[in-house]
Amino acid sequence: MIMSEEKKKDLLDKGAIVQRDYETYAIAPHIPGGICEPSVLRKIADVAEKYNAAALKLTSAQRIAIVGIAESDIESAWRDLDMPPGYAIGLCVRSIKFCPGTTFCKRGKQDAVKLGLEFDRKYHGLELPSKFKIGVSGCTNCCAESWIKDLGFIGMPNGWKVVAGGSAGAAPAIAEVVAENLTDEEATALADRIINYYKNSGTRKRLGRYIKEIGMEEFKKAVL
């Protein structure tokens, strides 16, 4: 079944993703870092039951997708949830994935929750030339998959290691190191420079492919 561009845009605006049967939809309320109160889980479960969802899916973007609801129920389900949608599709910052860091994890070297929430507040849903994912890991175990994100942060004993250009999907690539031993403030400032540079680059390619095109050294000169 071929869906019109107008229909796709309408569904995107509604935060809905058509499923395999082209009759039902999934919606994924935004849960920054996957951290929430028990009441949020109850509300999501209640909405799923009310609208006869086929399943609840824990996504790789640390959200809970309500899968298999009717198109006629999308707006009502969002109204009952009273939560913003997670940007799962579109040319934008899709998700900021972050681990428990020093907030909860004994292995954490840096505060991934603090930095991840700051990035989520600033960038989630920001329009960019291509899809863009950010990973913030509190240690080298890299539970937020920072090495395969467009922009990744890895907590080290002396600060943040920043990597860029990673991706998974059909053309997987490991990110390259841009800077090391940064404070929270320095890491935040570098993220701003990288995202703004990419936004204004004129490319339509994903960040990793763009970096390969111009070279990592040239990229570093522009953002450091």
Protein backbone atom coordinates (compact mmCIF):
# COMPACT_ATOMS: atom_id res chain seq x y z
CA MET A 1 0.00 0.00 0.00
CA ILE A 2 1.39 3.41 -1.00
CA MET A 3 0.69 6.27 1.41
CA SER A 4 0.49 9.85 0.13
CA GLU A 5 2.98 12.45 1.33
CA GLU A 6 0.11 14.47 2.79
CA LYS A 7 -1.02 11.45 4.80
CA LYS A 8 2.53 10.78 6.01
CA LYS A 9 2.89 14.39 7.18
CA ASP A 10 -0.45 14.26 8.96
CA LEU A 11 0.59 11.10 10.81
CA LEU A 12 3.99 12.59 11.63
CA ASP A 13 2.27 15.65 13.09
CA LYS A 14 0.14 13.29 15.18
CA GLY A 15 3.18 11.36 16.41
CA ALA A 16 1.91 8.13 14.87
CA ILE A 17 3.73 5.40 12.95
CA VAL A 18 1.80 3.09 10.64
CA GLN A 19 2.26 -0.59 11.35
CA ARG A 20 2.80 -3.57 9.05
CA ASP A 21 -0.91 -4.04 8.40
CA TYR A 22 -1.27 -0.39 7.22
CA GLU A 23 -4.40 -0.21 9.36
CA THR A 24 -3.12 0.28 12.89
CA TYR A 25 -0.59 2.68 14.41
CA ALA A 26 2.01 3.02 17.14
CA ILE A 27 2.51 6.07 19.32
CA ALA A 28 5.44 6.60 21.68
CA PRO A 29 5.19 9.23 24.42
CA HIS A 30 8.49 10.90 25.24
CA ILE A 31 10.19 9.61 28.39
CA PRO A 32 13.60 11.32 28.66
CA GLY A 33 16.23 8.68 29.30
CA GLY A 34 13.53 6.16 30.11
CA ILE A 35 13.32 7.57 33.65
CA CYS A 36 9.82 8.11 35.00
CA GLU A 37 7.50 7.82 37.97
CA PRO A 38 5.33 4.71 38.48
CA SER A 39 2.25 6.83 37.75
CA VAL A 40 3.50 7.36 34.17
CA LEU A 41 3.70 3.60 33.61
CA ARG A 42 0.18 3.18 34.96
CA LYS A 43 -1.14 5.90 32.67
CA ILE A 44 0.48 4.34 29.60
CA ALA A 45 -0.93 0.93 30.53
CA ASP A 46 -4.40 2.40 31.07
CA VAL A 47 -4.37 4.10 27.66
CA ALA A 48 -3.16 0.91 25.98
CA GLU A 49 -6.01 -1.05 27.53
CA LYS A 50 -8.63 1.61 26.80
CA TYR A 51 -7.81 1.70 23.08
CA ASN A 52 -7.22 -2.07 22.69
CA ALA A 53 -3.54 -1.83 21.82
CA ALA A 54 -1.94 -4.98 20.49
CA ALA A 55 1.19 -4.57 22.63
CA LEU A 56 3.45 -2.30 24.61
CA LYS A 57 7.00 -2.21 23.23
CA LEU A 58 10.06 -1.01 25.15
CA THR A 59 11.98 0.79 22.40
CA SER A 60 15.71 1.23 21.85
CA ALA A 61 15.16 4.98 22.38
CA GLN A 62 14.15 4.34 26.01
CA ARG A 63 10.44 4.89 25.42
CA ILE A 64 7.32 2.73 25.65
CA ALA A 65 5.47 2.47 22.34
CA ILE A 66 1.75 1.76 22.38
CA VAL A 67 1.45 -0.50 19.35
CA GLY A 68 -1.59 -1.38 17.26
CA ILE A 69 -4.24 1.27 17.88
CA ALA A 70 -6.82 2.43 15.37
CA GLU A 71 -6.27 5.66 13.43
CA SER A 72 -9.53 7.02 14.81
CA ASP A 73 -8.17 6.65 18.36
CA ILE A 74 -4.81 8.41 17.89
CA GLU A 75 -5.86 11.90 18.97
CA SER A 76 -7.92 10.62 21.90
CA ALA A 77 -5.06 8.44 23.10
CA TRP A 78 -2.68 11.40 23.06
CA ARG A 79 -5.23 13.51 24.91
CA ASP A 80 -5.54 10.85 27.63
CA LEU A 81 -1.77 10.46 27.89
CA ASP A 82 -1.20 14.21 28.21
CA MET A 83 2.47 13.63 27.31
CA PRO A 84 4.60 14.99 24.45
CA PRO A 85 5.42 12.57 21.62
CA GLY A 86 8.85 11.09 21.20
CA TYR A 87 10.34 12.00 17.83
CA ALA A 88 10.76 8.51 16.35
CA ILE A 89 10.74 9.57 12.68
CA GLY A 90 11.67 12.65 10.65
CA LEU A 91 14.77 14.71 9.93
CA CYS A 92 15.50 15.83 13.45
CA VAL A 93 17.16 14.89 16.72
CA ARG A 94 15.32 11.63 17.28
CA SER A 95 16.44 10.73 20.76
CA ILE A 96 18.98 11.40 23.45
CA LYS A 97 19.79 8.05 24.96
CA PHE A 98 21.54 8.08 28.32
CA CYS A 99 22.49 5.61 30.99
CA PRO A 100 22.10 5.93 34.80
CA GLY A 101 25.63 7.37 35.14
CA THR A 102 26.74 8.46 38.58
CA THR A 103 23.12 9.08 39.58
CA PHE A 104 22.42 5.35 40.02
CA CYS A 105 25.22 3.15 38.66
CA LYS A 106 28.29 2.06 40.66
CA ARG A 107 30.37 2.01 37.46
CA GLY A 108 29.53 5.59 36.45
CA LYS A 109 32.42 8.04 36.02
CA GLN A 110 30.37 11.08 34.93
CA ASP A 111 26.79 12.30 35.45
CA ALA A 112 25.11 10.99 32.29
CA VAL A 113 21.61 11.77 33.58
CA LYS A 114 22.37 15.45 34.14
CA LEU A 115 24.03 15.89 30.74
CA GLY A 116 21.44 13.74 28.96
CA LEU A 117 18.51 15.68 30.38
CA GLU A 118 20.16 18.95 29.37
CA PHE A 119 20.61 17.71 25.80
CA ASP A 120 17.05 16.40 25.77
CA ARG A 121 15.72 19.78 26.83
CA LYS A 122 17.74 21.63 24.19
CA TYR A 123 17.70 19.32 21.20
CA HIS A 124 14.93 16.73 21.19
CA GLY A 125 12.93 17.24 17.98
CA LEU A 126 15.29 19.91 16.60
CA GLU A 127 15.13 19.89 12.80
CA LEU A 128 18.42 18.96 11.13
CA PRO A 129 19.56 17.94 7.64
CA SER A 130 19.09 14.24 8.46
CA LYS A 131 18.09 12.07 11.38
CA PHE A 132 20.38 12.60 14.36
CA LYS A 133 20.89 10.56 17.52
CA ILE A 134 22.82 11.39 20.67
CA GLY A 135 24.17 8.92 23.23
CA VAL A 136 25.45 9.84 26.70
CA SER A 137 27.25 7.03 28.54
CA GLY A 138 28.59 7.46 32.05
CA CYS A 139 31.51 5.08 31.55
CA THR A 140 33.35 3.07 28.91
CA ASN A 141 30.78 0.27 29.06
CA CYS A 142 28.86 2.62 26.74
CA CYS A 143 25.36 1.44 27.68
CA ALA A 144 23.90 4.37 25.70
CA GLU A 145 25.69 3.13 22.56
CA SER A 146 27.62 6.37 22.18
CA TRP A 147 30.02 4.91 19.61
CA ILE A 148 27.20 4.31 17.10
CA LYS A 149 25.44 7.65 17.53
CA ASP A 150 25.81 10.77 15.41
CA LEU A 151 27.10 12.46 18.54
CA GLY A 152 28.31 10.51 21.56
CA PHE A 153 29.60 11.30 25.04
CA ILE A 154 31.54 8.80 27.16
CA GLY A 155 32.31 9.39 30.82
CA MET A 156 35.99 8.98 31.70
CA PRO A 157 37.72 9.51 35.06
CA ASN A 158 38.90 12.98 33.95
CA GLY A 159 35.82 14.15 32.07
CA TRP A 160 33.91 13.50 28.86
CA LYS A 161 35.21 11.92 25.68
CA VAL A 162 33.22 13.26 22.72
CA VAL A 163 32.82 11.20 19.55
CA ALA A 164 30.98 11.96 16.32
CA GLY A 165 29.85 10.31 13.10
CA GLY A 166 28.60 6.94 14.31
CA SER A 167 25.51 5.14 13.06
CA ALA A 168 23.77 1.78 13.10
CA GLY A 169 21.20 0.72 10.52
CA ALA A 170 21.99 -0.18 6.92
CA ALA A 171 25.39 1.55 6.91
CA PRO A 172 26.89 0.98 10.37
CA ALA A 173 29.88 3.08 11.40
CA ILE A 174 31.89 3.63 14.55
CA ALA A 175 32.24 7.26 15.62
CA GLU A 176 35.60 9.03 15.78
CA VAL A 177 37.02 10.93 18.73
CA VAL A 178 36.62 14.70 18.54
CA ALA A 179 37.78 15.76 22.02
CA GLU A 180 38.61 14.33 25.45
CA ASN A 181 38.62 15.23 29.13
CA LEU A 182 35.90 17.87 28.87
CA THR A 183 33.90 19.26 31.77
CA ASP A 184 30.09 19.27 31.61
CA GLU A 185 30.18 22.90 30.47
CA GLU A 186 32.80 22.21 27.80
CA ALA A 187 30.92 19.16 26.55
CA THR A 188 27.69 21.15 26.32
CA ALA A 189 29.42 23.97 24.43
CA LEU A 190 30.97 21.50 21.99
CA ALA A 191 27.59 19.86 21.37
CA ASP A 192 26.18 23.29 20.52
CA ARG A 193 28.96 23.98 18.05
CA ILE A 194 28.71 20.58 16.36
CA ILE A 195 24.92 20.70 16.00
CA ASN A 196 24.88 24.29 14.76
CA TYR A 197 27.71 23.61 12.31
CA TYR A 198 25.90 20.56 10.94
CA LYS A 199 22.59 22.40 10.78
CA ASN A 200 24.12 25.16 8.67
CA SER A 201 26.42 22.95 6.58
CA GLY A 202 24.11 22.75 3.56
CA THR A 203 24.46 18.97 3.38
CA ARG A 204 21.56 16.51 3.27
CA LYS A 205 23.75 13.62 4.38
CA ARG A 206 23.86 12.11 7.83
CA LEU A 207 26.64 13.54 9.99
CA GLY A 208 29.00 10.56 9.66
CA ARG A 209 28.85 10.60 5.87
CA TYR A 210 29.36 14.36 5.85
CA ILE A 211 32.43 14.02 8.08
CA LYS A 212 33.88 11.39 5.72
CA GLU A 213 33.26 13.77 2.82
CA ILE A 214 35.13 16.73 4.34
CA GLY A 215 37.54 14.77 6.56
CA MET A 216 37.70 14.55 10.35
CA GLU A 217 40.53 17.09 10.64
CA GLU A 218 38.52 19.69 8.74
CA PHE A 219 35.50 18.90 10.91
CA LYS A 220 37.56 19.38 14.06
CA LYS A 221 38.87 22.71 12.83
CA ALA A 222 35.27 23.89 12.39
CA VAL A 223 33.95 22.81 15.79
CA LEU A 224 36.87 22.99 18.22
